[in-house]
Amino acid sequence: MRTVLVINSKGGCGKTTVTTNLASYYAAAGARVAIKDYDPQGSSLQWLKSRAAHLPRIHGANAAPQKAHLLRSLQTWVPADTDVQIVDAPGGVKGILLQELIGKAGFVVIPVGPSSIDVHATADFLKDLLLLGWVRTRNIKVAVVANRVRSSMPVYEPLERFLKSLSLPFLTRIRDSDAYIRAAEQGLGVFEMDPSGSTAERQEFLPIVQWLDSQSAASPAAAHGNVVDLAARRQAAV
């Protein structure tokens, strides 16, 4: 199972947009996909509820802290044959929960908003993340994505220099587009929308997928191919 953690300690950076579009991309490619939502707001799970029955199925798991005594193990359960698990982390995550999330991830995608406050908060979060040590010792792949970009934002230049000093990739800039809003309302990802209305959004989101697949292909754990290849072979065998 490939586990992708979408996280930033700063709230409002668009973690759910990245989570849902990654999940829908891999599901549309034929992979078995699950979303594990740690955010108490449950935005990713709400997106799943809006998803039409004829669309490729995505399993949803509620990992947020429960106010009442419930069968938490049942709510957080993810099928063992899942190919890709996307984890939507809550804002302000730190301490034991941060260690738990990082410890289970193979890849970490960090969305960052366009304001200088978001950029500084993300830089501080990256420092805390790398101090855990697990990122280096377990060879966890980390990358940053600019999200909700409204124009060419020079505010990202200091962050790009900071990432370069840490040898961390800055993958792409996802603009503040109505296409993402329309997709979210329908339980879709931009790769499942009419291409005529989502071409630009697909092109700007694709580097995230390409990075994940390239890093997986370079890993010894990926000896049987990347997720999309696995899904294609599975469909051909049916």
Protein backbone atom coordinates (compact mmCIF):
# COMPACT_ATOMS: atom_id res chain seq x y z
CA MET A 1 0.00 0.00 0.00
CA ARG A 2 1.33 3.42 -0.94
CA THR A 3 0.50 5.95 1.78
CA VAL A 4 0.54 9.64 0.88
CA LEU A 5 0.21 12.10 3.76
CA VAL A 6 -1.20 15.53 2.85
CA ILE A 7 -0.29 17.81 5.74
CA ASN A 8 0.58 21.30 6.95
CA SER A 9 0.28 22.67 10.46
CA LYS A 10 -1.27 25.81 8.95
CA GLY A 11 -5.00 25.48 8.36
CA GLY A 12 -6.76 26.69 5.23
CA CYS A 13 -3.99 25.67 2.84
CA GLY A 14 -6.16 23.36 0.71
CA LYS A 15 -5.18 19.92 2.01
CA THR A 16 -8.58 18.49 1.06
CA THR A 17 -8.30 19.75 -2.52
CA VAL A 18 -5.01 17.90 -2.92
CA THR A 19 -6.34 14.80 -1.12
CA THR A 20 -9.51 14.43 -3.15
CA ASN A 21 -7.88 15.11 -6.52
CA LEU A 22 -5.11 12.60 -5.85
CA ALA A 23 -7.65 10.01 -4.74
CA SER A 24 -9.91 10.52 -7.75
CA TYR A 25 -6.95 10.42 -10.16
CA TYR A 26 -5.77 7.03 -8.93
CA ALA A 27 -9.30 5.66 -8.66
CA ALA A 28 -10.01 6.68 -12.26
CA ALA A 29 -6.79 4.89 -13.28
CA GLY A 30 -8.17 1.66 -11.80
CA ALA A 31 -6.33 1.59 -8.48
CA ARG A 32 -7.98 0.62 -5.20
CA VAL A 33 -7.97 3.89 -3.24
CA ALA A 34 -8.80 4.90 0.32
CA ILE A 35 -8.97 8.28 2.04
CA LYS A 36 -8.26 8.42 5.75
CA ASP A 37 -9.54 11.72 7.12
CA TYR A 38 -8.04 12.90 10.43
CA ASP A 39 -9.60 16.36 10.22
CA PRO A 40 -12.55 16.84 12.64
CA GLN A 41 -14.31 18.86 9.90
CA GLY A 42 -14.35 15.72 7.76
CA SER A 43 -14.20 17.63 4.46
CA SER A 44 -12.79 14.70 2.49
CA LEU A 45 -15.50 12.39 3.82
CA GLN A 46 -18.16 14.96 2.90
CA TRP A 47 -16.70 15.01 -0.60
CA LEU A 48 -17.04 11.22 -0.75
CA LYS A 49 -20.71 11.48 0.24
CA SER A 50 -21.29 13.76 -2.77
CA ARG A 51 -19.67 11.25 -5.11
CA ALA A 52 -22.04 9.54 -7.57
CA ALA A 53 -22.43 5.77 -7.37
CA HIS A 54 -21.27 5.19 -10.98
CA LEU A 55 -17.85 6.78 -10.35
CA PRO A 56 -14.83 4.66 -9.38
CA ARG A 57 -15.20 3.70 -5.73
CA ILE A 58 -13.01 5.31 -3.07
CA HIS A 59 -13.08 3.94 0.48
CA GLY A 60 -13.48 6.51 3.26
CA ALA A 61 -12.14 6.09 6.81
CA ASN A 62 -12.87 8.51 9.64
CA ALA A 63 -9.74 8.85 11.80
CA ALA A 64 -10.73 12.08 13.58
CA PRO A 65 -10.95 12.04 17.39
CA GLN A 66 -14.41 10.92 18.46
CA LYS A 67 -16.48 12.80 21.06
CA ALA A 68 -18.32 9.67 22.09
CA HIS A 69 -17.20 6.10 22.67
CA LEU A 70 -17.50 4.45 19.26
CA LEU A 71 -15.92 1.50 17.51
CA ARG A 72 -12.96 3.57 16.34
CA SER A 73 -11.15 0.59 14.86
CA LEU A 74 -14.12 0.00 12.54
CA GLN A 75 -14.27 3.65 11.45
CA THR A 76 -10.54 3.84 10.71
CA TRP A 77 -10.40 0.47 8.93
CA VAL A 78 -8.90 0.47 5.42
CA PRO A 79 -9.13 -2.61 3.16
CA ALA A 80 -5.93 -4.65 3.11
CA ASP A 81 -5.87 -4.74 -0.71
CA THR A 82 -5.78 -0.94 -0.99
CA ASP A 83 -3.20 0.29 -3.53
CA VAL A 84 -3.14 3.96 -2.51
CA GLN A 85 -4.08 5.49 0.82
CA ILE A 86 -4.34 9.29 0.97
CA VAL A 87 -4.26 10.73 4.48
CA ASP A 88 -5.90 14.13 5.02
CA ALA A 89 -4.26 15.52 8.16
CA PRO A 90 -5.85 18.07 10.51
CA GLY A 91 -4.53 21.61 10.89
CA GLY A 92 -2.23 22.36 13.81
CA VAL A 93 -0.96 18.79 14.02
CA LYS A 94 2.06 18.26 16.26
CA GLY A 95 3.52 16.00 18.94
CA ILE A 96 2.46 12.36 19.13
CA LEU A 97 -0.11 12.62 16.32
CA LEU A 98 2.47 14.14 13.98
CA GLN A 99 4.87 11.32 14.78
CA GLU A 100 2.11 8.77 14.19
CA LEU A 101 1.18 10.24 10.81
CA ILE A 102 4.76 10.57 9.60
CA GLY A 103 5.61 7.09 10.82
CA LYS A 104 2.95 5.55 8.58
CA ALA A 105 3.65 7.62 5.47
CA GLY A 106 5.87 6.88 2.52
CA PHE A 107 5.26 10.25 0.90
CA VAL A 108 4.43 13.67 2.35
CA VAL A 109 2.82 16.40 0.25
CA ILE A 110 2.67 19.84 1.90
CA PRO A 111 0.27 22.38 0.37
CA VAL A 112 1.02 26.01 1.18
CA GLY A 113 -1.22 29.03 0.69
CA PRO A 114 -0.21 32.24 -1.09
CA SER A 115 0.17 34.61 1.86
CA SER A 116 3.47 35.44 3.57
CA ILE A 117 1.94 34.10 6.80
CA ASP A 118 1.34 30.73 5.13
CA VAL A 119 4.87 30.67 3.73
CA HIS A 120 6.51 31.43 7.09
CA ALA A 121 4.29 28.92 8.91
CA THR A 122 5.18 26.24 6.35
CA ALA A 123 8.90 26.93 6.73
CA ASP A 124 8.57 26.51 10.49
CA PHE A 125 6.56 23.32 10.02
CA LEU A 126 9.22 21.88 7.72
CA LYS A 127 11.87 22.55 10.35
CA ASP A 128 9.78 20.71 12.96
CA LEU A 129 9.13 17.88 10.51
CA LEU A 130 12.79 17.34 9.72
CA LEU A 131 13.72 17.49 13.41
CA LEU A 132 11.71 14.30 13.94
CA GLY A 133 14.49 12.44 12.15
CA TRP A 134 12.13 9.84 10.71
CA VAL A 135 11.91 11.65 7.37
CA ARG A 136 15.61 11.07 6.75
CA THR A 137 16.11 7.70 8.42
CA ARG A 138 13.05 6.11 6.80
CA ASN A 139 13.65 7.81 3.46
CA ILE A 140 10.20 9.41 3.46
CA LYS A 141 9.76 11.54 0.35
CA VAL A 142 8.65 15.14 1.02
CA ALA A 143 7.51 17.79 -1.47
CA VAL A 144 5.72 21.14 -1.35
CA VAL A 145 2.85 22.41 -3.51
CA ALA A 146 1.71 26.02 -3.85
CA ASN A 147 -2.08 26.09 -3.53
CA ARG A 148 -4.84 28.63 -4.23
CA VAL A 149 -2.50 30.79 -6.27
CA ARG A 150 -4.34 33.82 -7.64
CA SER A 151 -1.58 35.15 -9.88
CA SER A 152 2.19 35.02 -10.26
CA MET A 153 3.05 35.26 -6.58
CA PRO A 154 6.60 36.42 -5.78
CA VAL A 155 5.84 35.59 -2.14
CA TYR A 156 6.88 31.99 -2.92
CA GLU A 157 10.42 32.91 -3.91
CA PRO A 158 11.82 32.84 -0.33
CA LEU A 159 10.14 29.47 0.22
CA GLU A 160 11.63 28.07 -2.98
CA ARG A 161 15.10 29.17 -1.86
CA PHE A 162 14.50 27.59 1.55
CA LEU A 163 13.36 24.30 -0.03
CA LYS A 164 16.37 24.28 -2.33
CA SER A 165 18.65 24.57 0.69
CA LEU A 166 16.93 21.48 2.14
CA SER A 167 16.95 19.61 -1.21
CA LEU A 168 13.15 19.40 -1.15
CA PRO A 169 11.14 19.75 -4.39
CA PHE A 170 8.61 22.50 -5.08
CA LEU A 171 6.30 20.59 -7.42
CA THR A 172 3.72 22.95 -8.86
CA ARG A 173 1.40 25.91 -8.37
CA ILE A 174 -2.30 25.11 -8.17
CA ARG A 175 -4.29 28.19 -9.01
CA ASP A 176 -7.42 29.39 -7.30
CA SER A 177 -9.79 28.05 -9.95
CA ASP A 178 -13.56 27.59 -9.96
CA ALA A 179 -12.99 24.16 -11.53
CA TYR A 180 -11.80 22.81 -8.18
CA ILE A 181 -14.90 24.22 -6.49
CA ARG A 182 -17.23 22.67 -9.07
CA ALA A 183 -15.43 19.35 -8.79
CA ALA A 184 -15.68 19.34 -5.00
CA GLU A 185 -19.41 20.05 -5.09
CA GLN A 186 -19.97 16.98 -7.28
CA GLY A 187 -17.61 14.60 -5.53
CA LEU A 188 -15.26 14.70 -8.52
CA GLY A 189 -11.62 15.39 -9.21
CA VAL A 190 -10.45 17.57 -12.09
CA PHE A 191 -9.29 14.46 -13.98
CA GLU A 192 -12.89 13.20 -13.96
CA MET A 193 -14.39 16.41 -15.32
CA ASP A 194 -14.93 17.31 -18.96
CA PRO A 195 -11.42 17.99 -20.30
CA SER A 196 -12.65 21.11 -22.08
CA GLY A 197 -13.24 22.75 -18.72
CA SER A 198 -10.33 21.33 -16.74
CA THR A 199 -7.32 21.13 -19.08
CA ALA A 200 -5.30 23.82 -17.29
CA GLU A 201 -6.11 22.36 -13.87
CA ARG A 202 -5.05 18.87 -14.99
CA GLN A 203 -1.75 20.17 -16.31
CA GLU A 204 -0.93 22.02 -13.09
CA PHE A 205 -1.92 19.07 -10.88
CA LEU A 206 -0.16 16.37 -12.91
CA PRO A 207 3.37 17.12 -11.54
CA ILE A 208 2.23 15.85 -8.12
CA VAL A 209 1.20 12.50 -9.60
CA GLN A 210 4.35 12.32 -11.73
CA TRP A 211 6.51 12.97 -8.67
CA LEU A 212 4.74 10.28 -6.64
CA ASP A 213 5.05 7.72 -9.43
CA SER A 214 8.68 8.56 -10.19
CA GLN A 215 9.67 8.32 -6.53
CA SER A 216 7.82 5.01 -6.21
CA ALA A 217 9.50 3.63 -9.30
CA ALA A 218 12.90 4.54 -7.84
CA SER A 219 12.13 2.73 -4.59
CA PRO A 220 13.10 -0.95 -4.01
CA ALA A 221 9.60 -1.42 -2.62
CA ALA A 222 8.23 -0.68 -6.11
CA ALA A 223 9.74 -3.75 -7.75
CA HIS A 224 6.36 -4.70 -9.22
CA GLY A 225 5.74 -1.30 -10.85
CA ASN A 226 3.86 1.86 -9.94
CA VAL A 227 0.23 2.05 -8.93
CA VAL A 228 -1.12 2.97 -12.34
CA ASP A 229 0.78 0.08 -13.97
CA LEU A 230 -0.54 -2.32 -11.35
CA ALA A 231 -4.08 -1.11 -11.93
CA ALA A 232 -3.73 -1.51 -15.71
CA ARG A 233 -2.44 -5.07 -15.37
CA ARG A 234 -5.24 -5.91 -12.93
CA GLN A 235 -7.88 -4.63 -15.36
CA ALA A 236 -6.29 -6.53 -18.27
CA ALA A 237 -6.47 -9.74 -16.25
CA VAL A 238 -10.21 -9.41 -15.57
